[in-house]
Amino acid sequence: MLSHSLDHGVLVITVHQDPGVGGRATLLAKIGDLVQAYRPAPVVIVLDEPASRGAVVSVVLRVHRLCRGLGPLMSVATHSAPTRRALEADADPGGTRLVVHARVDTAVSAAFAAAA
């Protein structure tokens, strides 16, 4: 369902597939555990094409709220323009803005620069 790595001190979490409505809680828990374990590293969540669906979007928005509370910067990378628009439209406007990128390398570079 997901994998993770560190790239220049940035936690990169890649979601490979949509967990469906029933798998949202499990996905949220796994991502939340990673965010807490690697804190204060900035976080980039990468959504592979099969993961660019509604259930994942809601999980990403919840993780964004979690990161605001814990402190690490968070951004998202996805090739899907409709998913980028949905994330930007539904992100909580309070606190740190959710930045959504079309490319992974851009997201990681921006997160690294922002954390420096």
Protein backbone atom coordinates (compact mmCIF):
# COMPACT_ATOMS: atom_id res chain seq x y z
CA MET A 1 0.00 0.00 0.00
CA LEU A 2 2.85 2.42 0.79
CA SER A 3 6.61 2.74 1.00
CA HIS A 4 8.92 5.35 2.45
CA SER A 5 12.47 6.66 2.18
CA LEU A 6 14.62 9.58 3.26
CA ASP A 7 15.82 11.88 0.51
CA HIS A 8 18.17 14.68 1.68
CA GLY A 9 16.55 14.58 5.12
CA VAL A 10 13.02 14.68 3.70
CA LEU A 11 10.65 11.83 4.57
CA VAL A 12 9.12 10.70 1.27
CA ILE A 13 6.04 8.52 1.70
CA THR A 14 4.70 6.97 -1.50
CA VAL A 15 1.13 5.70 -1.55
CA HIS A 16 0.92 3.07 -4.28
CA GLN A 17 -2.79 2.26 -4.29
CA ASP A 18 -6.12 3.50 -3.06
CA PRO A 19 -7.02 1.69 0.18
CA GLY A 20 -10.72 2.30 -0.37
CA VAL A 21 -13.04 3.67 2.28
CA GLY A 22 -12.43 0.68 4.57
CA GLY A 23 -8.65 1.11 4.50
CA ARG A 24 -8.49 4.83 5.27
CA ALA A 25 -7.94 4.38 9.00
CA THR A 26 -5.11 1.89 8.46
CA LEU A 27 -3.40 4.14 5.91
CA LEU A 28 -3.76 7.17 8.19
CA ALA A 29 -2.27 5.24 11.12
CA LYS A 30 0.71 4.02 9.07
CA ILE A 31 1.48 7.48 7.71
CA GLY A 32 0.97 9.06 11.13
CA ASP A 33 3.42 6.58 12.69
CA LEU A 34 6.04 7.41 10.04
CA VAL A 35 5.58 11.16 10.51
CA GLN A 36 6.04 10.82 14.26
CA ALA A 37 9.03 8.47 13.92
CA TYR A 38 10.93 10.79 11.56
CA ARG A 39 9.84 14.06 13.14
CA PRO A 40 10.98 16.87 12.66
CA ALA A 41 11.87 15.87 9.08
CA PRO A 42 9.72 17.54 6.43
CA VAL A 43 7.24 15.19 4.76
CA VAL A 44 6.38 14.72 1.09
CA ILE A 45 3.50 12.39 0.31
CA VAL A 46 3.66 11.02 -3.22
CA LEU A 47 0.46 9.68 -4.75
CA ASP A 48 1.04 7.14 -7.51
CA GLU A 49 -1.62 7.18 -10.23
CA PRO A 50 -3.67 4.27 -8.78
CA ALA A 51 -3.71 6.08 -5.42
CA SER A 52 -5.15 9.34 -6.76
CA ARG A 53 -8.69 8.69 -5.52
CA GLY A 54 -11.10 10.10 -2.97
CA ALA A 55 -10.15 7.89 -0.02
CA VAL A 56 -6.48 8.83 -0.29
CA VAL A 57 -7.32 12.52 -0.65
CA SER A 58 -9.17 12.49 2.67
CA VAL A 59 -6.24 10.70 4.35
CA VAL A 60 -3.75 13.26 2.99
CA LEU A 61 -5.89 16.11 4.30
CA ARG A 62 -5.98 14.48 7.75
CA VAL A 63 -2.21 13.97 7.70
CA HIS A 64 -1.83 17.65 6.84
CA ARG A 65 -3.77 18.55 9.99
CA LEU A 66 -1.63 16.09 11.98
CA CYS A 67 1.59 17.67 10.67
CA ARG A 68 0.36 21.13 11.59
CA GLY A 69 -0.03 19.91 15.15
CA LEU A 70 3.30 18.08 15.28
CA GLY A 71 5.38 20.69 13.46
CA PRO A 72 6.89 19.10 10.33
CA LEU A 73 6.31 20.79 7.00
CA MET A 74 4.23 18.69 4.61
CA SER A 75 3.63 18.76 0.88
CA VAL A 76 2.15 16.44 -1.71
CA ALA A 77 3.26 15.33 -5.18
CA THR A 78 0.88 13.82 -7.72
CA HIS A 79 0.67 13.82 -11.51
CA SER A 80 -3.13 13.93 -11.35
CA ALA A 81 -4.38 17.47 -11.96
CA PRO A 82 -7.88 16.68 -10.60
CA THR A 83 -6.32 15.32 -7.40
CA ARG A 84 -4.10 18.40 -7.04
CA ARG A 85 -7.14 20.65 -7.42
CA ALA A 86 -9.16 18.61 -4.90
CA LEU A 87 -6.35 18.77 -2.34
CA GLU A 88 -5.87 22.50 -2.77
CA ALA A 89 -9.62 23.19 -2.61
CA ASP A 90 -10.31 21.06 0.46
CA ALA A 91 -7.18 21.82 2.52
CA ASP A 92 -7.82 23.48 5.86
CA PRO A 93 -6.95 27.17 5.40
CA GLY A 94 -5.74 27.62 9.00
CA GLY A 95 -2.04 27.27 9.71
CA THR A 96 0.54 26.19 7.17
CA ARG A 97 -0.76 26.02 3.61
CA LEU A 98 -0.76 22.60 1.93
CA VAL A 99 1.59 22.81 -1.05
CA VAL A 100 0.80 20.42 -3.90
CA HIS A 101 3.34 19.70 -6.64
CA ALA A 102 3.09 17.91 -9.96
CA ARG A 103 6.60 16.43 -9.69
CA VAL A 104 8.29 14.50 -6.89
CA ASP A 105 11.73 16.04 -7.39
CA THR A 106 10.29 19.54 -7.14
CA ALA A 107 8.41 18.65 -3.96
CA VAL A 108 11.51 17.14 -2.30
CA SER A 109 13.74 20.08 -3.33
CA ALA A 110 11.22 22.61 -2.03
CA ALA A 111 10.80 20.72 1.27
CA PHE A 112 14.57 20.48 1.71
CA ALA A 113 15.01 24.21 1.01
CA ALA A 114 12.16 25.20 3.33
CA ALA A 115 13.59 23.14 6.19
CA ALA A 116 17.11 24.51 5.82
